[in-house]
Amino acid sequence: MTVSQATIDRYTQADPDVRLMLRVAADDAHAFEELMRRYQGRVVGVLAHLVGRRDMAEDLAQDVFLRVYRARKRYVPASKFSTWLFTITNNVASNALRTLSRRKEVNVTPVSPDGSGANPIEHTALAASGLMPTRQLDKTEMSEVVRLAIETLNERQRMAVLLAKFEQLSYAEIGEIMDMTPQAIKSLLSRARANLREVLEPYLEQGEALKV
């Protein structure tokens, strides 16, 4: 893909992380360390939601930044740095999930911590409420229930929700990362929110909006 000089100049001037990446391209090790400091936690967080294992997410994040470093001489600022980085993250996650699926290491019906096979969302909610359905879950408890609900989404819906909710990217930016049109991303997020609302409805206060 050919990128115009005007586009390169626009992103270079507007995005300090693009300028850092251009320094990485010039073999500035300190610039690479700074980019990792800024983004490593965010990349690990997204990957952990996608693959469901923190240790695996940390390994995959190393792969992401290794790819960033190896691509430094070919880097052209055609978008925000975060968009380029999360495109790589999405590709790494997709490859990892395909490998896990082929090895049949993905358990599509998660087992609850007590081994009973109960819905993990229900298990968490019941444990948090002390088996008292009249007690509303507090903010921390509800966050855990939402996290588990996000894990019930399919891979594409989950990625779109994570980028929209946690990275606060626009439809256009998410579309660029996932190779979809902004309208398709809007539809994907609408379906994801509907699925989450159905799962979370028993745990939401009446009339409370689903903030994803």
N, C-alpha and C. Protein backbone atom coordinates (compact mmCIF):
# COMPACT_ATOMS: atom_id res chain seq x y z
N MET A 1 0.84 -1.19 0.00
CA MET A 1 0.00 0.00 0.00
C MET A 1 0.88 1.25 0.00
N THR A 2 0.61 2.15 -0.95
CA THR A 2 1.36 3.39 -1.03
C THR A 2 0.73 4.44 -0.13
N VAL A 3 1.56 5.07 0.68
CA VAL A 3 1.09 6.09 1.61
C VAL A 3 1.65 7.44 1.17
N SER A 4 0.78 8.42 1.07
CA SER A 4 1.23 9.73 0.61
C SER A 4 2.08 10.41 1.67
N GLN A 5 2.94 11.31 1.21
CA GLN A 5 3.79 12.05 2.14
C GLN A 5 2.95 12.91 3.06
N ALA A 6 1.80 13.41 2.56
CA ALA A 6 0.92 14.23 3.39
C ALA A 6 0.37 13.43 4.56
N THR A 7 0.03 12.15 4.30
CA THR A 7 -0.47 11.28 5.37
C THR A 7 0.63 11.00 6.39
N ILE A 8 1.81 10.72 5.89
CA ILE A 8 2.94 10.46 6.79
C ILE A 8 3.21 11.67 7.67
N ASP A 9 3.22 12.85 7.06
CA ASP A 9 3.48 14.08 7.82
C ASP A 9 2.39 14.33 8.85
N ARG A 10 1.13 14.06 8.46
CA ARG A 10 0.00 14.32 9.38
C ARG A 10 0.12 13.47 10.63
N TYR A 11 0.35 12.16 10.46
CA TYR A 11 0.43 11.28 11.63
C TYR A 11 1.71 11.52 12.43
N THR A 12 2.78 11.88 11.75
CA THR A 12 4.04 12.16 12.45
C THR A 12 3.88 13.38 13.35
N GLN A 13 3.20 14.40 12.86
CA GLN A 13 3.00 15.62 13.64
C GLN A 13 1.99 15.42 14.76
N ALA A 14 0.95 14.61 14.51
CA ALA A 14 -0.16 14.51 15.47
C ALA A 14 0.05 13.48 16.56
N ASP A 15 0.86 12.46 16.31
CA ASP A 15 0.95 11.32 17.23
C ASP A 15 2.38 11.18 17.77
N PRO A 16 2.60 11.49 19.05
CA PRO A 16 3.95 11.35 19.61
C PRO A 16 4.47 9.92 19.58
N ASP A 17 3.55 8.93 19.60
CA ASP A 17 3.99 7.54 19.54
C ASP A 17 4.50 7.17 18.15
N VAL A 18 3.94 7.80 17.13
CA VAL A 18 4.49 7.63 15.77
C VAL A 18 5.93 8.14 15.73
N ARG A 19 6.16 9.28 16.36
CA ARG A 19 7.52 9.83 16.37
C ARG A 19 8.47 8.90 17.12
N LEU A 20 7.98 8.30 18.20
CA LEU A 20 8.81 7.32 18.92
C LEU A 20 9.13 6.13 18.02
N MET A 21 8.13 5.65 17.27
CA MET A 21 8.35 4.50 16.41
C MET A 21 9.33 4.83 15.29
N LEU A 22 9.31 6.05 14.81
CA LEU A 22 10.27 6.44 13.79
C LEU A 22 11.68 6.46 14.36
N ARG A 23 11.80 6.79 15.64
CA ARG A 23 13.10 6.69 16.30
C ARG A 23 13.53 5.23 16.45
N VAL A 24 12.55 4.35 16.71
CA VAL A 24 12.85 2.91 16.77
C VAL A 24 13.39 2.46 15.41
N ALA A 25 12.76 2.96 14.34
CA ALA A 25 13.20 2.60 12.99
C ALA A 25 14.63 3.03 12.74
N ALA A 26 15.06 4.06 13.46
CA ALA A 26 16.45 4.53 13.36
C ALA A 26 17.34 3.87 14.41
N ASP A 27 16.84 2.75 14.97
CA ASP A 27 17.60 1.93 15.93
C ASP A 27 17.85 2.62 17.26
N ASP A 28 16.87 3.40 17.71
CA ASP A 28 16.94 4.03 19.02
C ASP A 28 16.33 3.07 20.05
N ALA A 29 17.18 2.41 20.83
CA ALA A 29 16.70 1.41 21.80
C ALA A 29 15.86 2.04 22.89
N HIS A 30 16.20 3.26 23.30
CA HIS A 30 15.44 3.92 24.36
C HIS A 30 14.00 4.22 23.91
N ALA A 31 13.83 4.55 22.64
CA ALA A 31 12.48 4.80 22.11
C ALA A 31 11.65 3.52 22.15
N PHE A 32 12.27 2.39 21.82
CA PHE A 32 11.55 1.12 21.86
C PHE A 32 11.15 0.78 23.30
N GLU A 33 12.03 1.00 24.23
CA GLU A 33 11.72 0.76 25.65
C GLU A 33 10.56 1.64 26.11
N GLU A 34 10.52 2.87 25.64
CA GLU A 34 9.44 3.78 26.02
C GLU A 34 8.11 3.32 25.44
N LEU A 35 8.10 2.87 24.19
CA LEU A 35 6.86 2.35 23.60
C LEU A 35 6.37 1.12 24.35
N MET A 36 7.28 0.25 24.74
CA MET A 36 6.89 -0.92 25.51
C MET A 36 6.32 -0.51 26.87
N ARG A 37 6.95 0.47 27.49
CA ARG A 37 6.45 0.95 28.79
C ARG A 37 5.02 1.49 28.66
N ARG A 38 4.76 2.19 27.56
CA ARG A 38 3.44 2.80 27.37
C ARG A 38 2.36 1.78 27.02
N TYR A 39 2.74 0.75 26.29
CA TYR A 39 1.72 -0.13 25.71
C TYR A 39 1.72 -1.57 26.20
N GLN A 40 2.75 -2.02 26.87
CA GLN A 40 2.82 -3.44 27.21
C GLN A 40 1.64 -3.89 28.06
N GLY A 41 1.30 -3.12 29.09
CA GLY A 41 0.17 -3.49 29.94
C GLY A 41 -1.14 -3.54 29.19
N ARG A 42 -1.33 -2.60 28.28
CA ARG A 42 -2.57 -2.55 27.50
C ARG A 42 -2.66 -3.74 26.54
N VAL A 43 -1.54 -4.07 25.91
CA VAL A 43 -1.53 -5.22 24.99
C VAL A 43 -1.77 -6.52 25.76
N VAL A 44 -1.11 -6.69 26.89
CA VAL A 44 -1.33 -7.88 27.71
C VAL A 44 -2.79 -7.97 28.15
N GLY A 45 -3.38 -6.85 28.55
CA GLY A 45 -4.77 -6.85 28.98
C GLY A 45 -5.72 -7.30 27.90
N VAL A 46 -5.55 -6.78 26.68
CA VAL A 46 -6.41 -7.19 25.57
C VAL A 46 -6.21 -8.67 25.26
N LEU A 47 -4.96 -9.11 25.20
CA LEU A 47 -4.68 -10.51 24.90
C LEU A 47 -5.22 -11.45 25.97
N ALA A 48 -5.13 -11.04 27.24
CA ALA A 48 -5.63 -11.88 28.32
C ALA A 48 -7.13 -12.10 28.18
N HIS A 49 -7.87 -11.06 27.79
CA HIS A 49 -9.30 -11.21 27.56
C HIS A 49 -9.57 -12.14 26.37
N LEU A 50 -8.71 -12.08 25.35
CA LEU A 50 -8.95 -12.86 24.14
C LEU A 50 -8.60 -14.33 24.32
N VAL A 51 -7.48 -14.63 24.98
CA VAL A 51 -7.05 -16.03 25.08
C VAL A 51 -7.41 -16.66 26.42
N GLY A 52 -7.79 -15.83 27.40
CA GLY A 52 -8.27 -16.36 28.67
C GLY A 52 -7.20 -16.83 29.64
N ARG A 53 -5.93 -16.58 29.31
CA ARG A 53 -4.84 -17.01 30.19
C ARG A 53 -3.80 -15.90 30.28
N ARG A 54 -3.54 -15.45 31.50
CA ARG A 54 -2.60 -14.34 31.69
C ARG A 54 -1.20 -14.72 31.26
N ASP A 55 -0.74 -15.93 31.62
CA ASP A 55 0.62 -16.32 31.28
C ASP A 55 0.80 -16.38 29.76
N MET A 56 -0.20 -16.90 29.08
CA MET A 56 -0.13 -16.98 27.63
C MET A 56 -0.17 -15.58 27.01
N ALA A 57 -0.99 -14.69 27.59
CA ALA A 57 -1.09 -13.32 27.10
C ALA A 57 0.25 -12.61 27.19
N GLU A 58 0.99 -12.84 28.29
CA GLU A 58 2.29 -12.21 28.45
C GLU A 58 3.29 -12.72 27.40
N ASP A 59 3.23 -14.02 27.11
CA ASP A 59 4.10 -14.58 26.06
C ASP A 59 3.74 -13.99 24.70
N LEU A 60 2.45 -13.89 24.42
CA LEU A 60 2.00 -13.36 23.13
C LEU A 60 2.36 -11.88 23.00
N ALA A 61 2.30 -11.14 24.11
CA ALA A 61 2.68 -9.73 24.07
C ALA A 61 4.14 -9.59 23.67
N GLN A 62 5.00 -10.49 24.17
CA GLN A 62 6.40 -10.47 23.77
C GLN A 62 6.53 -10.67 22.26
N ASP A 63 5.69 -11.57 21.72
CA ASP A 63 5.69 -11.82 20.27
C ASP A 63 5.26 -10.55 19.53
N VAL A 64 4.24 -9.86 20.05
CA VAL A 64 3.77 -8.62 19.42
C VAL A 64 4.91 -7.61 19.32
N PHE A 65 5.60 -7.38 20.42
CA PHE A 65 6.66 -6.36 20.42
C PHE A 65 7.88 -6.82 19.63
N LEU A 66 8.10 -8.13 19.56
CA LEU A 66 9.16 -8.64 18.71
C LEU A 66 8.84 -8.35 17.25
N ARG A 67 7.57 -8.52 16.87
CA ARG A 67 7.16 -8.20 15.50
C ARG A 67 7.29 -6.71 15.21
N VAL A 68 6.93 -5.90 16.20
CA VAL A 68 7.09 -4.45 16.04
C VAL A 68 8.55 -4.12 15.76
N TYR A 69 9.45 -4.70 16.53
CA TYR A 69 10.87 -4.40 16.37
C TYR A 69 11.38 -4.89 15.02
N ARG A 70 10.98 -6.10 14.64
CA ARG A 70 11.45 -6.65 13.36
C ARG A 70 10.93 -5.85 12.17
N ALA A 71 9.76 -5.22 12.34
CA ALA A 71 9.14 -4.45 11.25
C ALA A 71 9.62 -3.00 11.22
N ARG A 72 10.53 -2.63 12.11
CA ARG A 72 10.85 -1.20 12.28
C ARG A 72 11.38 -0.56 11.00
N LYS A 73 12.16 -1.28 10.21
CA LYS A 73 12.75 -0.69 9.01
C LYS A 73 11.71 -0.53 7.90
N ARG A 74 10.60 -1.24 8.01
CA ARG A 74 9.53 -1.14 7.01
C ARG A 74 8.41 -0.21 7.47
N TYR A 75 8.53 0.32 8.68
CA TYR A 75 7.43 1.10 9.27
C TYR A 75 7.19 2.39 8.50
N VAL A 76 5.90 2.60 8.17
CA VAL A 76 5.45 3.84 7.54
C VAL A 76 4.22 4.31 8.32
N PRO A 77 4.22 5.52 8.84
CA PRO A 77 3.07 5.99 9.64
C PRO A 77 1.85 6.31 8.79
N ALA A 78 1.06 5.28 8.52
CA ALA A 78 -0.16 5.44 7.72
C ALA A 78 -1.39 5.54 8.61
N SER A 79 -1.20 5.47 9.93
CA SER A 79 -2.31 5.54 10.89
C SER A 79 -1.71 5.90 12.24
N LYS A 80 -2.56 6.04 13.26
CA LYS A 80 -2.04 6.20 14.62
C LYS A 80 -1.19 4.98 14.98
N PHE A 81 -0.18 5.19 15.80
CA PHE A 81 0.66 4.06 16.21
C PHE A 81 -0.17 2.98 16.89
N SER A 82 -1.12 3.38 17.76
CA SER A 82 -1.92 2.39 18.48
C SER A 82 -2.73 1.53 17.52
N THR A 83 -3.21 2.12 16.42
CA THR A 83 -3.96 1.34 15.43
C THR A 83 -3.07 0.28 14.80
N TRP A 84 -1.85 0.68 14.43
CA TRP A 84 -0.90 -0.27 13.85
C TRP A 84 -0.53 -1.35 14.85
N LEU A 85 -0.29 -0.97 16.09
CA LEU A 85 0.10 -1.93 17.12
C LEU A 85 -1.01 -2.94 17.39
N PHE A 86 -2.26 -2.47 17.49
CA PHE A 86 -3.35 -3.40 17.80
C PHE A 86 -3.76 -4.24 16.58
N THR A 87 -3.38 -3.81 15.39
CA THR A 87 -3.54 -4.68 14.22
C THR A 87 -2.61 -5.88 14.37
N ILE A 88 -1.37 -5.64 14.76
CA ILE A 88 -0.43 -6.73 15.02
C ILE A 88 -0.94 -7.61 16.16
N THR A 89 -1.44 -6.98 17.22
CA THR A 89 -1.98 -7.72 18.37
C THR A 89 -3.13 -8.62 17.95
N ASN A 90 -4.03 -8.10 17.13
CA ASN A 90 -5.17 -8.88 16.64
C ASN A 90 -4.69 -10.08 15.83
N ASN A 91 -3.70 -9.89 14.98
CA ASN A 91 -3.18 -10.99 14.17
C ASN A 91 -2.52 -12.06 15.04
N VAL A 92 -1.74 -11.63 16.01
CA VAL A 92 -1.08 -12.58 16.91
C VAL A 92 -2.12 -13.38 17.70
N ALA A 93 -3.14 -12.69 18.21
CA ALA A 93 -4.20 -13.37 18.97
C ALA A 93 -4.96 -14.36 18.10
N SER A 94 -5.29 -13.96 16.87
CA SER A 94 -6.03 -14.85 15.97
C SER A 94 -5.22 -16.11 15.66
N ASN A 95 -3.93 -15.94 15.41
CA ASN A 95 -3.07 -17.11 15.15
C ASN A 95 -3.01 -18.03 16.36
N ALA A 96 -2.90 -17.44 17.55
CA ALA A 96 -2.82 -18.25 18.77
C ALA A 96 -4.11 -19.01 19.01
N LEU A 97 -5.25 -18.35 18.79
CA LEU A 97 -6.53 -19.01 19.01
C LEU A 97 -6.76 -20.13 18.00
N ARG A 98 -6.31 -19.93 16.77
CA ARG A 98 -6.43 -21.01 15.77
C ARG A 98 -5.58 -22.21 16.18
N THR A 99 -4.38 -21.95 16.68
CA THR A 99 -3.50 -23.03 17.12
C THR A 99 -4.13 -23.79 18.30
N LEU A 100 -4.68 -23.04 19.25
CA LEU A 100 -5.33 -23.68 20.39
C LEU A 100 -6.51 -24.52 19.95
N SER A 101 -7.26 -24.01 18.98
CA SER A 101 -8.43 -24.75 18.50
C SER A 101 -8.01 -26.04 17.83
N ARG A 102 -6.94 -25.98 17.05
CA ARG A 102 -6.46 -27.20 16.37
C ARG A 102 -5.99 -28.24 17.38
N ARG A 103 -5.40 -27.77 18.47
CA ARG A 103 -4.92 -28.69 19.50
C ARG A 103 -6.02 -29.12 20.46
N LYS A 104 -7.20 -28.57 20.26
CA LYS A 104 -8.36 -28.87 21.10
C LYS A 104 -8.08 -28.55 22.56
N GLU A 105 -7.34 -27.44 22.77
CA GLU A 105 -7.04 -27.01 24.13
C GLU A 105 -8.04 -25.98 24.65
N VAL A 106 -8.97 -25.57 23.80
CA VAL A 106 -9.97 -24.59 24.21
C VAL A 106 -11.19 -25.32 24.72
N ASN A 107 -11.54 -25.09 25.96
CA ASN A 107 -12.72 -25.69 26.55
C ASN A 107 -13.90 -24.76 26.32
N VAL A 108 -14.82 -25.12 25.41
CA VAL A 108 -15.89 -24.20 25.04
C VAL A 108 -16.95 -24.10 26.12
N THR A 109 -16.94 -25.00 27.10
CA THR A 109 -17.84 -24.90 28.24
C THR A 109 -17.00 -24.79 29.50
N PRO A 110 -16.63 -23.57 29.89
CA PRO A 110 -15.73 -23.42 31.03
C PRO A 110 -16.27 -24.07 32.29
N VAL A 111 -15.36 -24.70 33.02
CA VAL A 111 -15.75 -25.34 34.27
C VAL A 111 -15.61 -24.35 35.40
N SER A 112 -16.55 -24.34 36.32
CA SER A 112 -16.49 -23.41 37.44
C SER A 112 -15.37 -23.81 38.38
N PRO A 113 -14.92 -22.88 39.21
CA PRO A 113 -13.80 -23.17 40.12
C PRO A 113 -14.04 -24.35 41.04
N ASP A 114 -15.31 -24.65 41.35
CA ASP A 114 -15.56 -25.77 42.26
C ASP A 114 -15.72 -27.09 41.51
N GLY A 115 -15.54 -27.04 40.15
CA GLY A 115 -15.60 -28.27 39.37
C GLY A 115 -17.01 -28.75 39.09
N SER A 116 -18.01 -27.95 39.41
CA SER A 116 -19.38 -28.41 39.23
C SER A 116 -19.89 -28.25 37.81
N GLY A 117 -19.16 -27.48 36.98
CA GLY A 117 -19.61 -27.25 35.63
C GLY A 117 -20.65 -26.15 35.53
N ALA A 118 -20.92 -25.44 36.61
CA ALA A 118 -21.92 -24.38 36.59
C ALA A 118 -21.42 -23.20 35.78
N ASN A 119 -22.36 -22.38 35.32
CA ASN A 119 -22.04 -21.16 34.59
C ASN A 119 -21.09 -20.32 35.45
N PRO A 120 -19.87 -19.98 34.94
CA PRO A 120 -18.93 -19.22 35.77
C PRO A 120 -19.43 -17.84 36.13
N ILE A 121 -20.26 -17.24 35.28
CA ILE A 121 -20.82 -15.93 35.60
C ILE A 121 -21.76 -16.05 36.80
N GLU A 122 -22.61 -17.06 36.76
CA GLU A 122 -23.55 -17.27 37.86
C GLU A 122 -22.79 -17.61 39.14
N HIS A 123 -21.75 -18.43 39.00
CA HIS A 123 -20.95 -18.82 40.17
C HIS A 123 -20.34 -17.58 40.83
N THR A 124 -19.75 -16.69 40.01
CA THR A 124 -19.13 -15.47 40.54
C THR A 124 -20.16 -14.58 41.21
N ALA A 125 -21.30 -14.41 40.56
CA ALA A 125 -22.33 -13.54 41.11
C ALA A 125 -22.87 -14.08 42.43
N LEU A 126 -23.08 -15.38 42.50
CA LEU A 126 -23.60 -15.98 43.73
C LEU A 126 -22.57 -15.89 44.86
N ALA A 127 -21.31 -16.14 44.51
CA ALA A 127 -20.26 -16.06 45.53
C ALA A 127 -20.13 -14.63 46.06
N ALA A 128 -20.24 -13.68 45.18
CA ALA A 128 -20.11 -12.27 45.58
C ALA A 128 -21.27 -11.82 46.45
N SER A 129 -22.45 -12.31 46.15
CA SER A 129 -23.63 -11.86 46.88
C SER A 129 -23.88 -12.66 48.16
N GLY A 130 -23.04 -13.64 48.41
CA GLY A 130 -23.25 -14.46 49.60
C GLY A 130 -24.56 -15.23 49.52
N LEU A 131 -24.94 -15.61 48.30
CA LEU A 131 -26.18 -16.36 48.05
C LEU A 131 -27.42 -15.57 48.49
N MET A 132 -27.28 -14.24 48.51
CA MET A 132 -28.44 -13.41 48.85
C MET A 132 -28.84 -12.63 47.60
N PRO A 133 -29.81 -13.10 46.84
CA PRO A 133 -30.15 -12.47 45.57
C PRO A 133 -30.64 -11.04 45.71
N THR A 134 -31.04 -10.63 46.90
CA THR A 134 -31.52 -9.26 47.06
C THR A 134 -30.38 -8.26 47.15
N ARG A 135 -29.14 -8.73 47.39
CA ARG A 135 -28.03 -7.79 47.52
C ARG A 135 -27.47 -7.45 46.14
N GLN A 136 -27.34 -6.15 45.85
CA GLN A 136 -26.75 -5.73 44.59
C GLN A 136 -25.24 -5.97 44.61
N LEU A 137 -24.70 -6.39 43.48
CA LEU A 137 -23.26 -6.57 43.40
C LEU A 137 -22.58 -5.21 43.44
N ASP A 138 -21.45 -5.13 44.15
CA ASP A 138 -20.75 -3.85 44.16
C ASP A 138 -19.95 -3.70 42.86
N LYS A 139 -19.24 -2.56 42.73
CA LYS A 139 -18.58 -2.23 41.47
C LYS A 139 -17.53 -3.26 41.08
N THR A 140 -16.72 -3.71 42.06
CA THR A 140 -15.68 -4.69 41.77
C THR A 140 -16.27 -6.02 41.35
N GLU A 141 -17.31 -6.45 42.06
CA GLU A 141 -17.97 -7.71 41.75
C GLU A 141 -18.60 -7.66 40.36
N MET A 142 -19.24 -6.54 40.04
CA MET A 142 -19.88 -6.41 38.75
C MET A 142 -18.86 -6.41 37.63
N SER A 143 -17.70 -5.82 37.87
CA SER A 143 -16.64 -5.81 36.86
C SER A 143 -16.20 -7.23 36.51
N GLU A 144 -16.11 -8.09 37.53
CA GLU A 144 -15.73 -9.48 37.29
C GLU A 144 -16.81 -10.21 36.50
N VAL A 145 -18.07 -9.94 36.81
CA VAL A 145 -19.16 -10.57 36.08
C VAL A 145 -19.14 -10.11 34.62
N VAL A 146 -18.89 -8.81 34.39
CA VAL A 146 -18.80 -8.29 33.02
C VAL A 146 -17.63 -8.94 32.29
N ARG A 147 -16.48 -9.09 32.98
CA ARG A 147 -15.31 -9.72 32.35
C ARG A 147 -15.65 -11.13 31.87
N LEU A 148 -16.31 -11.89 32.72
CA LEU A 148 -16.70 -13.26 32.35
C LEU A 148 -17.69 -13.26 31.20
N ALA A 149 -18.59 -12.27 31.20
CA ALA A 149 -19.58 -12.18 30.12
C ALA A 149 -18.89 -11.89 28.78
N ILE A 150 -17.88 -11.03 28.80
CA ILE A 150 -17.14 -10.72 27.58
C ILE A 150 -16.49 -11.98 27.02
N GLU A 151 -16.05 -12.86 27.91
CA GLU A 151 -15.40 -14.10 27.46
C GLU A 151 -16.38 -15.05 26.76
N THR A 152 -17.70 -14.83 26.91
CA THR A 152 -18.67 -15.68 26.22
C THR A 152 -18.86 -15.27 24.77
N LEU A 153 -18.37 -14.07 24.39
CA LEU A 153 -18.52 -13.61 23.01
C LEU A 153 -17.58 -14.36 22.08
N ASN A 154 -17.92 -14.37 20.79
CA ASN A 154 -16.98 -14.97 19.85
C ASN A 154 -15.77 -14.06 19.67
N GLU A 155 -14.74 -14.56 19.02
CA GLU A 155 -13.46 -13.85 18.96
C GLU A 155 -13.59 -12.45 18.39
N ARG A 156 -14.32 -12.30 17.28
CA ARG A 156 -14.41 -10.99 16.63
C ARG A 156 -15.20 -9.99 17.47
N GLN A 157 -16.32 -10.45 18.06
CA GLN A 157 -17.09 -9.56 18.92
C GLN A 157 -16.27 -9.14 20.13
N ARG A 158 -15.54 -10.08 20.71
CA ARG A 158 -14.74 -9.79 21.90
C ARG A 158 -13.67 -8.75 21.58
N MET A 159 -12.97 -8.91 20.44
CA MET A 159 -11.92 -7.97 20.07
C MET A 159 -12.51 -6.58 19.86
N ALA A 160 -13.64 -6.49 19.18
CA ALA A 160 -14.26 -5.19 18.92
C ALA A 160 -14.67 -4.51 20.22
N VAL A 161 -15.25 -5.28 21.14
CA VAL A 161 -15.68 -4.71 22.43
C VAL A 161 -14.47 -4.22 23.22
N LEU A 162 -13.40 -5.02 23.25
CA LEU A 162 -12.20 -4.63 24.00
C LEU A 162 -11.59 -3.35 23.45
N LEU A 163 -11.53 -3.24 22.13
CA LEU A 163 -10.93 -2.04 21.53
C LEU A 163 -11.82 -0.82 21.73
N ALA A 164 -13.13 -1.04 21.72
CA ALA A 164 -14.05 0.09 21.91
C ALA A 164 -14.11 0.52 23.37
N LYS A 165 -14.18 -0.46 24.27
CA LYS A 165 -14.39 -0.14 25.69
C LYS A 165 -13.09 0.27 26.39
N PHE A 166 -12.02 -0.51 26.19
CA PHE A 166 -10.79 -0.28 26.95
C PHE A 166 -9.81 0.64 26.23
N GLU A 167 -9.79 0.58 24.90
CA GLU A 167 -8.89 1.45 24.15
C GLU A 167 -9.60 2.68 23.60
N GLN A 168 -10.94 2.67 23.68
CA GLN A 168 -11.77 3.80 23.25
C GLN A 168 -11.45 4.23 21.82
N LEU A 169 -11.30 3.25 20.95
CA LEU A 169 -11.04 3.52 19.54
C LEU A 169 -12.35 3.75 18.79
N SER A 170 -12.27 4.47 17.69
CA SER A 170 -13.45 4.76 16.88
C SER A 170 -13.80 3.56 16.01
N TYR A 171 -15.02 3.58 15.41
CA TYR A 171 -15.40 2.51 14.49
C TYR A 171 -14.38 2.39 13.35
N ALA A 172 -13.92 3.54 12.85
CA ALA A 172 -12.96 3.52 11.73
C ALA A 172 -11.64 2.88 12.16
N GLU A 173 -11.16 3.21 13.35
CA GLU A 173 -9.89 2.66 13.83
C GLU A 173 -10.01 1.16 14.08
N ILE A 174 -11.12 0.74 14.70
CA ILE A 174 -11.32 -0.69 14.94
C ILE A 174 -11.45 -1.43 13.61
N GLY A 175 -12.14 -0.81 12.65
CA GLY A 175 -12.29 -1.41 11.33
C GLY A 175 -10.95 -1.61 10.64
N GLU A 176 -10.06 -0.64 10.80
CA GLU A 176 -8.73 -0.77 10.20
C GLU A 176 -7.96 -1.91 10.85
N ILE A 177 -8.07 -2.05 12.16
CA ILE A 177 -7.39 -3.12 12.87
C ILE A 177 -7.92 -4.49 12.46
N MET A 178 -9.25 -4.59 12.32
CA MET A 178 -9.89 -5.89 12.07
C MET A 178 -10.21 -6.13 10.60
N ASP A 179 -9.79 -5.20 9.72
CA ASP A 179 -10.01 -5.32 8.29
C ASP A 179 -11.51 -5.42 7.97
N MET A 180 -12.27 -4.51 8.54
CA MET A 180 -13.71 -4.43 8.32
C MET A 180 -14.09 -2.97 8.11
N THR A 181 -15.24 -2.73 7.50
CA THR A 181 -15.70 -1.36 7.32
C THR A 181 -16.21 -0.81 8.65
N PRO A 182 -16.22 0.52 8.82
CA PRO A 182 -16.79 1.10 10.04
C PRO A 182 -18.23 0.67 10.29
N GLN A 183 -19.03 0.56 9.22
CA GLN A 183 -20.42 0.14 9.37
C GLN A 183 -20.50 -1.30 9.86
N ALA A 184 -19.60 -2.16 9.36
CA ALA A 184 -19.59 -3.55 9.81
C ALA A 184 -19.19 -3.63 11.28
N ILE A 185 -18.26 -2.78 11.70
CA ILE A 185 -17.86 -2.75 13.11
C ILE A 185 -19.03 -2.28 13.97
N LYS A 186 -19.76 -1.28 13.51
CA LYS A 186 -20.93 -0.79 14.24
C LYS A 186 -21.94 -1.92 14.44
N SER A 187 -22.19 -2.70 13.39
CA SER A 187 -23.13 -3.82 13.48
C SER A 187 -22.59 -4.91 14.41
N LEU A 188 -21.27 -5.18 14.30
CA LEU A 188 -20.65 -6.19 15.15
C LEU A 188 -20.78 -5.82 16.63
N LEU A 189 -20.51 -4.55 16.95
CA LEU A 189 -20.62 -4.10 18.33
C LEU A 189 -22.07 -4.12 18.81
N SER A 190 -23.00 -3.82 17.93
CA SER A 190 -24.41 -3.85 18.30
C SER A 190 -24.82 -5.27 18.68
N ARG A 191 -24.37 -6.26 17.89
CA ARG A 191 -24.68 -7.66 18.21
C ARG A 191 -24.00 -8.09 19.50
N ALA A 192 -22.76 -7.63 19.69
CA ALA A 192 -22.02 -7.98 20.91
C ALA A 192 -22.73 -7.42 22.13
N ARG A 193 -23.17 -6.17 22.06
CA ARG A 193 -23.86 -5.56 23.20
C ARG A 193 -25.17 -6.28 23.49
N ALA A 194 -25.87 -6.69 22.44
CA ALA A 194 -27.12 -7.42 22.63
C ALA A 194 -26.85 -8.76 23.33
N ASN A 195 -25.78 -9.44 22.91
CA ASN A 195 -25.42 -10.71 23.54
C ASN A 195 -25.03 -10.52 25.00
N LEU A 196 -24.25 -9.47 25.26
CA LEU A 196 -23.84 -9.20 26.64
C LEU A 196 -25.04 -8.83 27.50
N ARG A 197 -25.94 -8.03 26.94
CA ARG A 197 -27.12 -7.61 27.71
C ARG A 197 -27.96 -8.83 28.11
N GLU A 198 -28.06 -9.79 27.19
CA GLU A 198 -28.84 -11.00 27.48
C GLU A 198 -28.19 -11.80 28.60
N VAL A 199 -26.86 -11.90 28.58
CA VAL A 199 -26.15 -12.65 29.61
C VAL A 199 -26.19 -11.94 30.96
N LEU A 200 -26.06 -10.61 30.92
CA LEU A 200 -25.91 -9.83 32.15
C LEU A 200 -27.22 -9.36 32.76
N GLU A 201 -28.30 -9.49 32.03
CA GLU A 201 -29.57 -8.93 32.50
C GLU A 201 -29.94 -9.33 33.93
N PRO A 202 -29.72 -10.58 34.33
CA PRO A 202 -30.09 -10.94 35.72
C PRO A 202 -29.29 -10.20 36.79
N TYR A 203 -28.11 -9.64 36.40
CA TYR A 203 -27.24 -9.04 37.40
C TYR A 203 -27.22 -7.52 37.34
N LEU A 204 -27.92 -6.95 36.37
CA LEU A 204 -27.96 -5.50 36.23
C LEU A 204 -29.14 -4.93 36.98
N GLU A 205 -28.94 -3.76 37.59
CA GLU A 205 -30.06 -3.08 38.23
C GLU A 205 -31.07 -2.68 37.16
N GLN A 206 -32.30 -2.66 37.52
CA GLN A 206 -33.36 -2.34 36.57
C GLN A 206 -33.10 -0.97 35.95
N GLY A 207 -33.06 -0.94 34.61
CA GLY A 207 -32.89 0.31 33.91
C GLY A 207 -31.44 0.75 33.77
N GLU A 208 -30.49 0.02 34.36
CA GLU A 208 -29.08 0.41 34.26
C GLU A 208 -28.56 0.12 32.88
N ALA A 209 -27.86 1.08 32.28
CA ALA A 209 -27.33 0.92 30.94
C ALA A 209 -26.10 0.01 30.97
N LEU A 210 -25.93 -0.75 29.89
CA LEU A 210 -24.76 -1.60 29.76
C LEU A 210 -23.65 -0.77 29.14
N LYS A 211 -22.59 -0.51 29.89
CA LYS A 211 -21.54 0.41 29.45
C LYS A 211 -20.43 -0.34 28.75
N VAL A 212 -20.73 -0.88 27.54
CA VAL A 212 -19.70 -1.51 26.71
C VAL A 212 -19.91 -1.08 25.28
